[in-house]
N, C-alpha and C. Protein backbone atom coordinates (compact mmCIF):
# COMPACT_ATOMS: atom_id res chain seq x y z
N MET A 1 -2.99 32.45 131.73
CA MET A 1 -4.20 31.64 131.68
C MET A 1 -3.85 30.18 131.93
N ASN A 2 -4.67 29.51 132.75
CA ASN A 2 -4.40 28.12 133.07
C ASN A 2 -4.52 27.24 131.84
N ASP A 3 -3.64 26.23 131.74
CA ASP A 3 -3.63 25.35 130.58
C ASP A 3 -4.95 24.61 130.42
N ASN A 4 -5.64 24.34 131.54
CA ASN A 4 -6.88 23.57 131.42
C ASN A 4 -8.02 24.38 130.83
N ARG A 5 -7.79 25.67 130.57
CA ARG A 5 -8.80 26.48 129.90
C ARG A 5 -8.50 26.61 128.41
N ARG A 6 -7.44 25.99 127.95
CA ARG A 6 -7.06 26.10 126.55
C ARG A 6 -7.46 24.85 125.78
N THR A 7 -7.76 25.06 124.51
CA THR A 7 -8.10 23.96 123.63
C THR A 7 -7.08 23.90 122.51
N ARG A 8 -6.45 22.76 122.30
CA ARG A 8 -5.47 22.66 121.24
C ARG A 8 -6.18 22.48 119.91
N ILE A 9 -5.95 23.43 118.99
CA ILE A 9 -6.57 23.39 117.68
C ILE A 9 -5.67 22.67 116.69
N SER A 10 -4.36 22.82 116.84
CA SER A 10 -3.41 22.12 115.98
C SER A 10 -2.18 21.86 116.81
N ALA A 11 -1.21 21.20 116.21
CA ALA A 11 0.05 20.95 116.92
C ALA A 11 0.85 22.22 117.08
N ASP A 12 0.43 23.29 116.42
CA ASP A 12 1.25 24.49 116.37
C ASP A 12 0.77 25.63 117.26
N LEU A 13 -0.54 25.78 117.42
CA LEU A 13 -1.05 26.99 118.04
C LEU A 13 -2.15 26.66 119.03
N LEU A 14 -2.19 27.41 120.12
CA LEU A 14 -3.22 27.23 121.12
C LEU A 14 -4.28 28.30 120.98
N GLN A 15 -5.52 27.85 120.86
CA GLN A 15 -6.66 28.75 120.90
C GLN A 15 -7.04 28.95 122.35
N THR A 16 -7.39 30.18 122.73
CA THR A 16 -7.84 30.44 124.09
C THR A 16 -9.22 31.08 124.04
N PRO A 17 -9.92 31.11 125.16
CA PRO A 17 -11.22 31.79 125.18
C PRO A 17 -11.12 33.25 124.72
N ARG A 18 -9.98 33.91 124.99
CA ARG A 18 -9.85 35.31 124.61
C ARG A 18 -9.71 35.50 123.10
N THR A 19 -9.18 34.52 122.40
CA THR A 19 -8.97 34.67 120.96
C THR A 19 -10.01 33.91 120.13
N THR A 20 -10.93 33.23 120.78
CA THR A 20 -11.97 32.52 120.05
C THR A 20 -12.92 33.51 119.37
N VAL A 21 -13.14 33.34 118.07
CA VAL A 21 -14.03 34.22 117.32
C VAL A 21 -15.47 33.86 117.66
N ARG A 22 -16.21 34.79 118.20
CA ARG A 22 -17.57 34.52 118.64
C ARG A 22 -18.60 35.08 117.66
N ARG A 23 -18.35 36.24 117.09
CA ARG A 23 -19.23 36.78 116.07
C ARG A 23 -18.79 36.19 114.73
N LYS A 24 -19.68 35.46 114.05
CA LYS A 24 -19.36 34.74 112.82
C LYS A 24 -18.21 33.75 113.07
N PRO A 25 -18.39 32.78 113.96
CA PRO A 25 -17.29 31.87 114.31
C PRO A 25 -16.75 31.07 113.13
N SER A 26 -17.57 30.89 112.07
CA SER A 26 -17.08 30.15 110.90
C SER A 26 -15.95 30.88 110.19
N ARG A 27 -15.81 32.17 110.46
CA ARG A 27 -14.73 32.95 109.84
C ARG A 27 -13.43 32.87 110.63
N GLY A 28 -13.47 32.27 111.79
CA GLY A 28 -12.27 32.18 112.61
C GLY A 28 -11.34 31.08 112.15
N SER A 29 -10.06 31.29 112.30
CA SER A 29 -9.04 30.29 111.98
C SER A 29 -7.96 30.36 113.04
N TYR A 30 -7.51 29.19 113.46
CA TYR A 30 -6.46 29.11 114.49
C TYR A 30 -5.28 28.30 113.96
N ASP A 31 -5.24 28.16 112.65
CA ASP A 31 -4.20 27.41 111.98
C ASP A 31 -2.96 28.28 111.83
N TRP A 32 -1.80 27.73 112.23
CA TRP A 32 -0.57 28.53 112.22
C TRP A 32 -0.20 28.98 110.81
N GLU A 33 -0.35 28.13 109.81
CA GLU A 33 0.03 28.50 108.45
C GLU A 33 -0.80 29.69 107.96
N THR A 34 -2.08 29.70 108.30
CA THR A 34 -2.95 30.81 107.90
C THR A 34 -2.53 32.10 108.57
N ILE A 35 -2.28 32.03 109.87
CA ILE A 35 -1.88 33.21 110.63
C ILE A 35 -0.55 33.75 110.12
N ALA A 36 0.42 32.88 109.92
CA ALA A 36 1.74 33.31 109.46
C ALA A 36 1.66 33.96 108.09
N ALA A 37 0.85 33.40 107.18
CA ALA A 37 0.74 33.94 105.83
C ALA A 37 0.16 35.36 105.84
N ILE A 38 -0.83 35.61 106.68
CA ILE A 38 -1.41 36.95 106.77
C ILE A 38 -0.39 37.93 107.33
N LEU A 39 0.31 37.53 108.37
CA LEU A 39 1.33 38.41 108.96
C LEU A 39 2.44 38.73 107.96
N ASP A 40 2.82 37.75 107.15
CA ASP A 40 3.91 37.97 106.20
C ASP A 40 3.50 38.86 105.04
N GLU A 41 2.25 38.78 104.62
CA GLU A 41 1.79 39.62 103.51
C GLU A 41 1.57 41.05 103.97
N GLY A 42 1.16 41.22 105.21
CA GLY A 42 0.90 42.56 105.72
C GLY A 42 2.16 43.35 106.00
N ILE A 43 2.01 44.65 106.14
CA ILE A 43 3.13 45.55 106.42
C ILE A 43 2.89 46.35 107.69
N PHE A 44 1.64 46.71 107.91
CA PHE A 44 1.28 47.64 108.98
C PHE A 44 0.40 46.94 110.00
N CYS A 45 0.51 47.34 111.24
CA CYS A 45 -0.34 46.77 112.29
C CYS A 45 -0.81 47.89 113.21
N HIS A 46 -1.70 47.54 114.12
CA HIS A 46 -2.14 48.46 115.17
C HIS A 46 -1.93 47.78 116.51
N ILE A 47 -1.36 48.52 117.45
CA ILE A 47 -1.09 48.01 118.79
C ILE A 47 -2.03 48.71 119.76
N GLY A 48 -2.88 47.93 120.44
CA GLY A 48 -3.76 48.48 121.45
C GLY A 48 -3.23 48.19 122.85
N PHE A 49 -3.31 49.19 123.73
CA PHE A 49 -2.85 49.04 125.11
C PHE A 49 -3.48 50.13 125.96
N VAL A 50 -3.36 50.00 127.26
CA VAL A 50 -3.89 50.99 128.19
C VAL A 50 -2.75 51.56 129.00
N ALA A 51 -2.66 52.90 129.04
CA ALA A 51 -1.65 53.59 129.85
C ALA A 51 -2.33 54.64 130.70
N ASP A 52 -2.12 54.58 132.00
CA ASP A 52 -2.72 55.52 132.94
C ASP A 52 -4.24 55.58 132.79
N GLY A 53 -4.85 54.43 132.56
CA GLY A 53 -6.30 54.34 132.47
C GLY A 53 -6.88 54.75 131.13
N GLN A 54 -6.03 55.17 130.20
CA GLN A 54 -6.50 55.62 128.88
C GLN A 54 -6.15 54.60 127.81
N PRO A 55 -7.13 54.09 127.05
CA PRO A 55 -6.81 53.18 125.94
C PRO A 55 -6.17 53.94 124.77
N TYR A 56 -5.18 53.31 124.15
CA TYR A 56 -4.54 53.86 122.95
C TYR A 56 -4.46 52.75 121.90
N VAL A 57 -4.54 53.14 120.64
CA VAL A 57 -4.29 52.24 119.53
C VAL A 57 -3.32 52.96 118.59
N VAL A 58 -2.14 52.38 118.40
CA VAL A 58 -1.07 53.05 117.67
C VAL A 58 -0.69 52.23 116.43
N PRO A 59 -0.68 52.86 115.25
CA PRO A 59 -0.23 52.16 114.05
C PRO A 59 1.29 52.11 113.98
N THR A 60 1.82 51.01 113.49
CA THR A 60 3.28 50.88 113.39
C THR A 60 3.63 49.73 112.45
N GLY A 61 4.89 49.64 112.08
CA GLY A 61 5.37 48.52 111.31
C GLY A 61 5.79 47.38 112.23
N TYR A 62 6.11 46.24 111.63
CA TYR A 62 6.49 45.08 112.42
C TYR A 62 7.30 44.12 111.55
N GLY A 63 7.79 43.08 112.16
CA GLY A 63 8.46 42.01 111.44
C GLY A 63 8.20 40.70 112.16
N ARG A 64 8.27 39.60 111.43
CA ARG A 64 8.05 38.28 112.04
C ARG A 64 9.22 37.37 111.76
N ASP A 65 9.65 36.64 112.77
CA ASP A 65 10.63 35.57 112.63
C ASP A 65 10.12 34.38 113.41
N GLN A 66 9.71 33.32 112.68
CA GLN A 66 9.15 32.14 113.31
C GLN A 66 7.95 32.54 114.17
N ARG A 67 7.97 32.19 115.45
CA ARG A 67 6.83 32.46 116.34
C ARG A 67 6.98 33.76 117.11
N THR A 68 7.73 34.71 116.57
CA THR A 68 7.98 35.96 117.28
C THR A 68 7.70 37.15 116.38
N LEU A 69 6.98 38.14 116.92
CA LEU A 69 6.79 39.43 116.26
C LEU A 69 7.72 40.45 116.90
N TYR A 70 8.25 41.35 116.08
CA TYR A 70 9.11 42.42 116.57
C TYR A 70 8.48 43.76 116.21
N ILE A 71 8.47 44.67 117.18
CA ILE A 71 8.05 46.05 116.93
C ILE A 71 9.12 46.96 117.50
N HIS A 72 9.19 48.18 116.96
CA HIS A 72 10.24 49.08 117.43
C HIS A 72 9.74 50.52 117.37
N GLY A 73 10.50 51.41 117.96
CA GLY A 73 10.18 52.83 117.95
C GLY A 73 11.16 53.58 118.82
N SER A 74 10.87 54.84 119.03
CA SER A 74 11.74 55.67 119.86
C SER A 74 11.72 55.17 121.30
N SER A 75 12.87 55.21 121.93
CA SER A 75 12.95 54.83 123.35
C SER A 75 12.09 55.73 124.22
N ALA A 76 11.78 56.94 123.71
CA ALA A 76 10.96 57.88 124.47
C ALA A 76 9.47 57.71 124.19
N SER A 77 9.12 56.79 123.31
CA SER A 77 7.72 56.59 122.94
C SER A 77 6.90 56.10 124.12
N ARG A 78 5.72 56.68 124.32
CA ARG A 78 4.83 56.23 125.38
C ARG A 78 4.45 54.77 125.18
N MET A 79 4.16 54.40 123.93
CA MET A 79 3.78 53.01 123.68
C MET A 79 4.91 52.06 124.04
N LEU A 80 6.11 52.34 123.56
CA LEU A 80 7.22 51.43 123.81
C LEU A 80 7.57 51.38 125.29
N ARG A 81 7.52 52.51 125.97
CA ARG A 81 7.82 52.52 127.41
C ARG A 81 6.75 51.76 128.19
N SER A 82 5.49 51.93 127.81
CA SER A 82 4.41 51.22 128.50
C SER A 82 4.52 49.71 128.29
N LEU A 83 4.72 49.31 127.04
CA LEU A 83 4.78 47.88 126.73
C LEU A 83 6.01 47.23 127.34
N ALA A 84 7.13 47.97 127.37
CA ALA A 84 8.35 47.43 127.98
C ALA A 84 8.17 47.20 129.48
N GLY A 85 7.21 47.93 130.07
CA GLY A 85 6.94 47.77 131.49
C GLY A 85 5.99 46.63 131.81
N GLY A 86 5.59 45.86 130.79
CA GLY A 86 4.75 44.69 131.03
C GLY A 86 3.27 44.91 130.82
N VAL A 87 2.88 46.03 130.21
CA VAL A 87 1.46 46.28 129.95
C VAL A 87 0.96 45.32 128.87
N PRO A 88 -0.14 44.59 129.10
CA PRO A 88 -0.68 43.69 128.07
C PRO A 88 -1.06 44.46 126.81
N LEU A 89 -0.92 43.82 125.68
CA LEU A 89 -1.23 44.48 124.42
C LEU A 89 -2.10 43.59 123.54
N CYS A 90 -2.71 44.24 122.56
CA CYS A 90 -3.45 43.56 121.51
C CYS A 90 -2.89 44.02 120.18
N PHE A 91 -2.30 43.09 119.45
CA PHE A 91 -1.74 43.35 118.12
C PHE A 91 -2.76 42.93 117.08
N THR A 92 -3.05 43.80 116.11
CA THR A 92 -3.93 43.42 115.00
C THR A 92 -3.30 43.84 113.68
N GLY A 93 -3.38 42.96 112.71
CA GLY A 93 -2.95 43.26 111.35
C GLY A 93 -4.05 42.84 110.40
N SER A 94 -4.32 43.67 109.37
CA SER A 94 -5.44 43.40 108.48
C SER A 94 -5.05 43.61 107.03
N LEU A 95 -5.65 42.83 106.16
CA LEU A 95 -5.52 42.96 104.71
C LEU A 95 -6.92 43.08 104.12
N ILE A 96 -7.16 44.06 103.26
CA ILE A 96 -8.45 44.22 102.61
C ILE A 96 -8.37 43.62 101.22
N ASP A 97 -9.26 42.67 100.94
CA ASP A 97 -9.25 41.96 99.66
C ASP A 97 -10.35 42.40 98.70
N GLY A 98 -11.36 43.08 99.20
CA GLY A 98 -12.42 43.49 98.29
C GLY A 98 -13.56 44.20 98.98
N LEU A 99 -14.28 45.03 98.21
CA LEU A 99 -15.50 45.68 98.69
C LEU A 99 -16.69 44.85 98.24
N VAL A 100 -17.52 44.45 99.17
CA VAL A 100 -18.70 43.65 98.86
C VAL A 100 -19.89 44.60 98.72
N LEU A 101 -20.37 44.77 97.49
CA LEU A 101 -21.42 45.73 97.17
C LEU A 101 -22.73 44.99 96.96
N ALA A 102 -23.62 45.13 97.92
CA ALA A 102 -24.88 44.39 97.91
C ALA A 102 -26.00 45.22 97.30
N ARG A 103 -27.17 44.60 97.17
CA ARG A 103 -28.34 45.29 96.64
C ARG A 103 -28.95 46.22 97.69
N SER A 104 -28.69 45.94 98.94
CA SER A 104 -29.20 46.79 100.02
C SER A 104 -28.02 47.40 100.76
N ALA A 105 -28.24 48.57 101.34
CA ALA A 105 -27.18 49.22 102.13
C ALA A 105 -26.78 48.34 103.31
N PHE A 106 -27.75 47.64 103.87
CA PHE A 106 -27.50 46.84 105.08
C PHE A 106 -26.47 45.75 104.86
N HIS A 107 -26.44 45.15 103.68
CA HIS A 107 -25.60 43.98 103.44
C HIS A 107 -24.26 44.30 102.77
N HIS A 108 -23.92 45.57 102.64
CA HIS A 108 -22.59 45.89 102.17
C HIS A 108 -21.55 45.40 103.18
N SER A 109 -20.40 44.98 102.69
CA SER A 109 -19.38 44.45 103.59
C SER A 109 -18.00 44.60 102.96
N ILE A 110 -17.02 43.99 103.58
CA ILE A 110 -15.63 44.01 103.11
C ILE A 110 -15.08 42.60 103.23
N ASN A 111 -14.42 42.13 102.19
CA ASN A 111 -13.66 40.89 102.29
C ASN A 111 -12.27 41.23 102.85
N TYR A 112 -11.86 40.48 103.84
CA TYR A 112 -10.62 40.81 104.54
C TYR A 112 -10.00 39.57 105.13
N ARG A 113 -8.74 39.70 105.51
CA ARG A 113 -8.04 38.72 106.32
C ARG A 113 -7.36 39.47 107.45
N SER A 114 -7.54 39.01 108.67
CA SER A 114 -6.97 39.72 109.81
C SER A 114 -6.40 38.74 110.82
N VAL A 115 -5.47 39.24 111.61
CA VAL A 115 -4.85 38.45 112.69
C VAL A 115 -4.87 39.28 113.96
N MET A 116 -5.20 38.65 115.06
CA MET A 116 -5.11 39.27 116.38
C MET A 116 -4.18 38.43 117.25
N VAL A 117 -3.24 39.11 117.90
CA VAL A 117 -2.31 38.44 118.81
C VAL A 117 -2.39 39.15 120.16
N LEU A 118 -2.57 38.40 121.23
CA LEU A 118 -2.59 38.94 122.58
C LEU A 118 -1.33 38.51 123.32
N GLY A 119 -0.87 39.36 124.21
CA GLY A 119 0.30 38.96 124.98
C GLY A 119 0.98 40.13 125.67
N VAL A 120 2.15 39.86 126.16
CA VAL A 120 3.01 40.87 126.81
C VAL A 120 4.35 40.85 126.09
N ALA A 121 4.80 42.02 125.68
CA ALA A 121 6.06 42.12 124.94
C ALA A 121 7.23 42.30 125.89
N GLN A 122 8.39 41.83 125.45
CA GLN A 122 9.61 41.96 126.25
C GLN A 122 10.62 42.85 125.53
N PRO A 123 11.24 43.80 126.25
CA PRO A 123 12.27 44.64 125.64
C PRO A 123 13.53 43.84 125.37
N LEU A 124 14.24 44.20 124.31
CA LEU A 124 15.43 43.46 123.89
C LEU A 124 16.67 44.33 123.98
N GLU A 125 17.80 43.67 124.13
CA GLU A 125 19.09 44.35 124.14
C GLU A 125 20.09 43.51 123.35
N GLY A 126 21.21 44.12 123.02
CA GLY A 126 22.32 43.39 122.42
C GLY A 126 22.00 42.78 121.08
N ALA A 127 22.49 41.55 120.89
CA ALA A 127 22.38 40.88 119.60
C ALA A 127 20.92 40.62 119.22
N GLU A 128 20.05 40.33 120.20
CA GLU A 128 18.66 40.06 119.87
C GLU A 128 17.94 41.34 119.44
N LYS A 129 18.33 42.46 120.04
CA LYS A 129 17.75 43.74 119.62
C LYS A 129 18.12 44.04 118.17
N LEU A 130 19.38 43.79 117.83
CA LEU A 130 19.82 44.00 116.45
C LEU A 130 19.10 43.04 115.50
N HIS A 131 18.89 41.82 115.94
CA HIS A 131 18.15 40.85 115.12
C HIS A 131 16.72 41.32 114.88
N GLY A 132 16.10 41.91 115.90
CA GLY A 132 14.75 42.43 115.75
C GLY A 132 14.68 43.53 114.70
N LEU A 133 15.66 44.44 114.72
CA LEU A 133 15.69 45.51 113.73
C LEU A 133 15.93 44.96 112.33
N ARG A 134 16.78 43.95 112.23
CA ARG A 134 17.01 43.31 110.93
C ARG A 134 15.73 42.67 110.41
N THR A 135 15.01 42.02 111.30
CA THR A 135 13.76 41.35 110.90
C THR A 135 12.73 42.36 110.42
N ILE A 136 12.58 43.47 111.13
CA ILE A 136 11.62 44.51 110.74
C ILE A 136 12.01 45.12 109.39
N THR A 137 13.30 45.40 109.20
CA THR A 137 13.77 46.00 107.95
C THR A 137 13.55 45.07 106.77
N ASN A 138 13.89 43.80 106.94
CA ASN A 138 13.72 42.84 105.85
C ASN A 138 12.26 42.49 105.59
N HIS A 139 11.39 42.73 106.60
CA HIS A 139 9.96 42.53 106.37
C HIS A 139 9.43 43.54 105.36
N LEU A 140 9.99 44.76 105.38
CA LEU A 140 9.58 45.79 104.41
C LEU A 140 10.05 45.43 103.01
N ALA A 141 11.30 45.01 102.90
CA ALA A 141 11.88 44.64 101.60
C ALA A 141 12.95 43.60 101.87
N HIS A 142 12.67 42.37 101.47
CA HIS A 142 13.56 41.26 101.79
C HIS A 142 14.95 41.49 101.19
N GLY A 143 15.96 41.45 102.06
CA GLY A 143 17.33 41.68 101.63
C GLY A 143 17.83 43.09 101.86
N ARG A 144 16.95 43.98 102.32
CA ARG A 144 17.31 45.39 102.48
C ARG A 144 18.41 45.59 103.52
N TRP A 145 18.36 44.83 104.60
CA TRP A 145 19.31 45.02 105.70
C TRP A 145 20.76 44.90 105.23
N ASP A 146 21.04 44.01 104.32
CA ASP A 146 22.41 43.80 103.86
C ASP A 146 22.92 44.94 103.00
N ASP A 147 22.03 45.80 102.51
CA ASP A 147 22.43 46.92 101.65
C ASP A 147 22.73 48.20 102.42
N VAL A 148 22.12 48.35 103.58
CA VAL A 148 22.15 49.66 104.25
C VAL A 148 23.20 49.72 105.36
N ARG A 149 23.47 50.96 105.81
CA ARG A 149 24.38 51.14 106.94
C ARG A 149 23.70 50.63 108.21
N PRO A 150 24.38 49.82 109.00
CA PRO A 150 23.77 49.35 110.26
C PRO A 150 23.66 50.49 111.26
N PRO A 151 22.81 50.34 112.27
CA PRO A 151 22.64 51.41 113.27
C PRO A 151 23.92 51.67 114.05
N THR A 152 24.13 52.93 114.39
CA THR A 152 25.24 53.29 115.26
C THR A 152 24.85 52.99 116.71
N GLU A 153 25.81 53.08 117.60
CA GLU A 153 25.53 52.85 119.02
C GLU A 153 24.52 53.87 119.53
N GLN A 154 24.66 55.13 119.07
CA GLN A 154 23.74 56.17 119.49
C GLN A 154 22.32 55.88 118.99
N GLU A 155 22.21 55.42 117.74
CA GLU A 155 20.90 55.09 117.18
C GLU A 155 20.28 53.90 117.90
N MET A 156 21.10 52.93 118.28
CA MET A 156 20.58 51.78 119.03
C MET A 156 20.04 52.22 120.38
N THR A 157 20.72 53.15 121.02
CA THR A 157 20.28 53.64 122.32
C THR A 157 18.95 54.39 122.20
N ALA A 158 18.79 55.09 121.09
CA ALA A 158 17.58 55.89 120.89
C ALA A 158 16.39 55.05 120.44
N THR A 159 16.62 53.77 120.14
CA THR A 159 15.58 52.90 119.61
C THR A 159 15.24 51.79 120.60
N ALA A 160 13.96 51.56 120.80
CA ALA A 160 13.50 50.43 121.61
C ALA A 160 12.96 49.35 120.68
N VAL A 161 13.29 48.11 120.97
CA VAL A 161 12.80 46.97 120.20
C VAL A 161 12.16 45.98 121.16
N LEU A 162 10.95 45.54 120.83
CA LEU A 162 10.22 44.62 121.70
C LEU A 162 9.93 43.33 120.95
N ARG A 163 9.90 42.25 121.68
CA ARG A 163 9.58 40.92 121.15
C ARG A 163 8.23 40.50 121.69
N LEU A 164 7.34 40.05 120.78
CA LEU A 164 6.02 39.55 121.19
C LEU A 164 5.87 38.11 120.73
N PRO A 165 5.89 37.14 121.64
CA PRO A 165 5.68 35.74 121.24
C PRO A 165 4.27 35.54 120.69
N ILE A 166 4.16 34.77 119.62
CA ILE A 166 2.84 34.48 119.04
C ILE A 166 2.34 33.19 119.69
N ASP A 167 1.81 33.35 120.89
CA ASP A 167 1.34 32.20 121.67
C ASP A 167 -0.18 32.15 121.77
N GLU A 168 -0.82 33.30 121.62
CA GLU A 168 -2.27 33.39 121.78
C GLU A 168 -2.79 34.25 120.63
N ALA A 169 -3.36 33.62 119.62
CA ALA A 169 -3.70 34.35 118.40
C ALA A 169 -4.86 33.70 117.67
N SER A 170 -5.43 34.46 116.75
CA SER A 170 -6.46 33.92 115.86
C SER A 170 -6.48 34.76 114.60
N ALA A 171 -7.00 34.16 113.54
CA ALA A 171 -7.26 34.88 112.30
C ALA A 171 -8.76 34.94 112.09
N LYS A 172 -9.21 35.98 111.40
CA LYS A 172 -10.61 36.07 111.01
C LYS A 172 -10.64 36.49 109.54
N ILE A 173 -11.41 35.75 108.75
CA ILE A 173 -11.37 35.92 107.31
C ILE A 173 -12.79 35.96 106.74
N ARG A 174 -13.05 36.96 105.90
CA ARG A 174 -14.29 36.96 105.10
C ARG A 174 -13.86 36.89 103.65
N ASP A 175 -14.30 35.86 102.94
CA ASP A 175 -13.88 35.68 101.55
C ASP A 175 -15.04 35.18 100.69
N VAL A 176 -16.25 35.66 100.99
CA VAL A 176 -17.43 35.27 100.22
C VAL A 176 -18.00 36.51 99.54
N GLY A 177 -18.94 36.28 98.64
CA GLY A 177 -19.54 37.38 97.89
C GLY A 177 -20.73 38.00 98.61
N VAL A 178 -21.66 38.48 97.80
CA VAL A 178 -22.83 39.19 98.33
C VAL A 178 -23.78 38.22 99.02
N LEU A 179 -24.30 38.63 100.16
CA LEU A 179 -25.28 37.83 100.91
C LEU A 179 -26.55 38.66 101.08
N ASP A 180 -27.27 38.78 99.99
CA ASP A 180 -28.48 39.61 100.00
C ASP A 180 -29.70 38.84 100.48
N GLU A 181 -30.74 39.61 100.86
CA GLU A 181 -32.02 39.02 101.19
C GLU A 181 -32.69 38.51 99.91
N GLU A 182 -33.40 37.41 100.03
CA GLU A 182 -34.08 36.85 98.85
C GLU A 182 -35.04 37.85 98.23
N ALA A 183 -35.68 38.66 99.07
CA ALA A 183 -36.66 39.63 98.56
C ALA A 183 -36.01 40.73 97.73
N ASP A 184 -34.69 40.91 97.85
CA ASP A 184 -33.99 41.98 97.13
C ASP A 184 -33.35 41.50 95.83
N MET A 185 -33.41 40.21 95.54
CA MET A 185 -32.64 39.65 94.43
C MET A 185 -33.09 40.19 93.07
N GLU A 186 -34.33 40.67 92.93
CA GLU A 186 -34.81 41.18 91.65
C GLU A 186 -34.62 42.68 91.49
N LEU A 187 -34.01 43.34 92.47
CA LEU A 187 -33.77 44.78 92.36
C LEU A 187 -32.79 45.07 91.22
N ALA A 188 -33.04 46.15 90.50
CA ALA A 188 -32.17 46.53 89.38
C ALA A 188 -30.98 47.33 89.91
N VAL A 189 -30.20 46.67 90.75
CA VAL A 189 -29.02 47.29 91.36
C VAL A 189 -27.83 46.36 91.14
N TRP A 190 -26.72 46.90 90.63
CA TRP A 190 -25.54 46.06 90.44
C TRP A 190 -25.03 45.58 91.80
N ALA A 191 -24.69 44.32 91.87
CA ALA A 191 -24.16 43.75 93.10
C ALA A 191 -22.97 42.86 92.75
N GLY A 192 -22.01 42.79 93.63
CA GLY A 192 -20.83 41.97 93.40
C GLY A 192 -19.67 42.42 94.28
N VAL A 193 -18.48 42.02 93.89
CA VAL A 193 -17.28 42.32 94.68
C VAL A 193 -16.31 43.14 93.84
N GLN A 194 -15.84 44.24 94.40
CA GLN A 194 -14.75 45.01 93.79
C GLN A 194 -13.45 44.58 94.45
N PRO A 195 -12.64 43.74 93.76
CA PRO A 195 -11.39 43.27 94.37
C PRO A 195 -10.42 44.42 94.64
N LEU A 196 -9.66 44.30 95.71
CA LEU A 196 -8.61 45.24 96.05
C LEU A 196 -7.36 44.45 96.41
N GLU A 197 -6.19 44.99 96.06
CA GLU A 197 -4.95 44.35 96.45
C GLU A 197 -3.84 45.38 96.54
N LEU A 198 -2.81 45.04 97.29
CA LEU A 198 -1.66 45.91 97.45
C LEU A 198 -0.70 45.66 96.29
N ILE A 199 -0.50 46.67 95.45
CA ILE A 199 0.36 46.54 94.28
C ILE A 199 1.48 47.57 94.35
N ALA A 200 2.70 47.14 94.11
CA ALA A 200 3.84 48.05 94.13
C ALA A 200 3.91 48.86 92.86
N GLY A 201 4.13 50.16 92.99
CA GLY A 201 4.34 51.02 91.84
C GLY A 201 5.81 51.07 91.45
N GLU A 202 6.12 51.93 90.51
CA GLU A 202 7.49 52.11 90.07
C GLU A 202 8.28 52.84 91.16
N PRO A 203 9.43 52.29 91.59
CA PRO A 203 10.22 52.95 92.64
C PRO A 203 10.64 54.37 92.23
N ILE A 204 10.57 55.30 93.16
CA ILE A 204 10.92 56.70 92.92
C ILE A 204 12.26 56.97 93.59
N PRO A 205 13.33 57.19 92.84
CA PRO A 205 14.64 57.38 93.46
C PRO A 205 14.75 58.71 94.19
N ASP A 206 15.50 58.72 95.26
CA ASP A 206 15.81 59.95 95.96
C ASP A 206 16.59 60.87 95.03
N GLY A 207 16.28 62.17 95.08
CA GLY A 207 16.92 63.10 94.18
C GLY A 207 18.40 63.31 94.41
N LEU A 208 18.91 62.87 95.56
CA LEU A 208 20.32 63.07 95.88
C LEU A 208 21.14 61.80 95.77
N LEU A 209 20.63 60.79 95.08
CA LEU A 209 21.40 59.56 94.88
C LEU A 209 22.69 59.86 94.10
N PRO A 210 23.81 59.31 94.55
CA PRO A 210 25.05 59.47 93.77
C PRO A 210 24.91 58.79 92.41
N PRO A 211 25.63 59.27 91.41
CA PRO A 211 25.59 58.64 90.09
C PRO A 211 26.02 57.18 90.17
N GLY A 212 25.36 56.33 89.40
CA GLY A 212 25.75 54.94 89.32
C GLY A 212 25.08 54.02 90.31
N VAL A 213 24.27 54.56 91.23
CA VAL A 213 23.56 53.70 92.18
C VAL A 213 22.34 53.12 91.49
N GLU A 214 22.34 51.82 91.31
CA GLU A 214 21.27 51.17 90.57
C GLU A 214 20.17 50.65 91.49
N LEU A 215 19.01 50.49 90.93
CA LEU A 215 17.87 49.96 91.67
C LEU A 215 18.14 48.49 92.01
N PRO A 216 18.05 48.11 93.30
CA PRO A 216 18.31 46.72 93.66
C PRO A 216 17.23 45.79 93.11
N GLU A 217 17.60 44.54 92.89
CA GLU A 217 16.69 43.59 92.28
C GLU A 217 15.46 43.37 93.15
N TYR A 218 15.60 43.40 94.48
CA TYR A 218 14.45 43.14 95.34
C TYR A 218 13.41 44.26 95.27
N LEU A 219 13.78 45.44 94.74
CA LEU A 219 12.80 46.49 94.49
C LEU A 219 12.32 46.45 93.04
N ARG A 220 13.18 46.01 92.14
CA ARG A 220 12.80 45.91 90.73
C ARG A 220 11.64 44.92 90.56
N SER A 221 11.63 43.89 91.39
CA SER A 221 10.60 42.85 91.30
C SER A 221 9.76 42.80 92.59
N TYR A 222 9.60 43.95 93.24
CA TYR A 222 8.97 43.97 94.57
C TYR A 222 7.51 43.52 94.53
N GLN A 223 7.17 42.63 95.45
CA GLN A 223 5.79 42.29 95.72
C GLN A 223 5.71 41.67 97.11
N ARG A 224 4.54 41.76 97.72
CA ARG A 224 4.35 41.15 99.03
C ARG A 224 4.15 39.65 98.84
N PRO A 225 4.49 38.84 99.84
CA PRO A 225 4.21 37.41 99.75
C PRO A 225 2.73 37.17 99.47
N GLN A 226 2.44 36.26 98.59
CA GLN A 226 1.06 36.00 98.21
C GLN A 226 0.49 34.84 99.01
N ARG A 227 -0.82 34.87 99.26
CA ARG A 227 -1.45 33.79 100.01
C ARG A 227 -1.57 32.56 99.14
């Protein structure tokens, strides 16, 4: 996209016509700190792309390092092969913060924070490929990479890792309560927000752990980065 079609929203991120929030524009954010915080708290994303004329949306994990997202999968994966060939993609990650329960069925909603990133991913090799895998692993549990066996050469060959620059992105956030019609305000129906959050449970050890293997501290105190 030509630079003269872009509008600088901050010193950090460029908003483009493709990422401008048009439905409920007040919910849009193009601030880098907001986008980074949502990506860091999230774990799962969906990758949309078109292969052979057919749209696909595939769920997967990811990792972020500065202005770069990393995704990975089997080298035989249709998604990874398509994206490595230069097919444009749409990355979306979402967090659900609450159910908005209104007095009318029409005004029920969800409080959420989401990020959309558009671009073309590049396949990685060598040290950068290994860095991408480290980033994805540590995104799941910070410090995990240093505890585990690194990939073998055969495993590296069987795995594709792609880099997606965060150059064209936006966040969309709903964080308000019930927005009912004035005529419905006297209805004898409970209305409000049921908060939701991602909470870690007690870690469940594998049944074949050798004796003496203790739970690492990063799992003992596990939680996602908070906004």
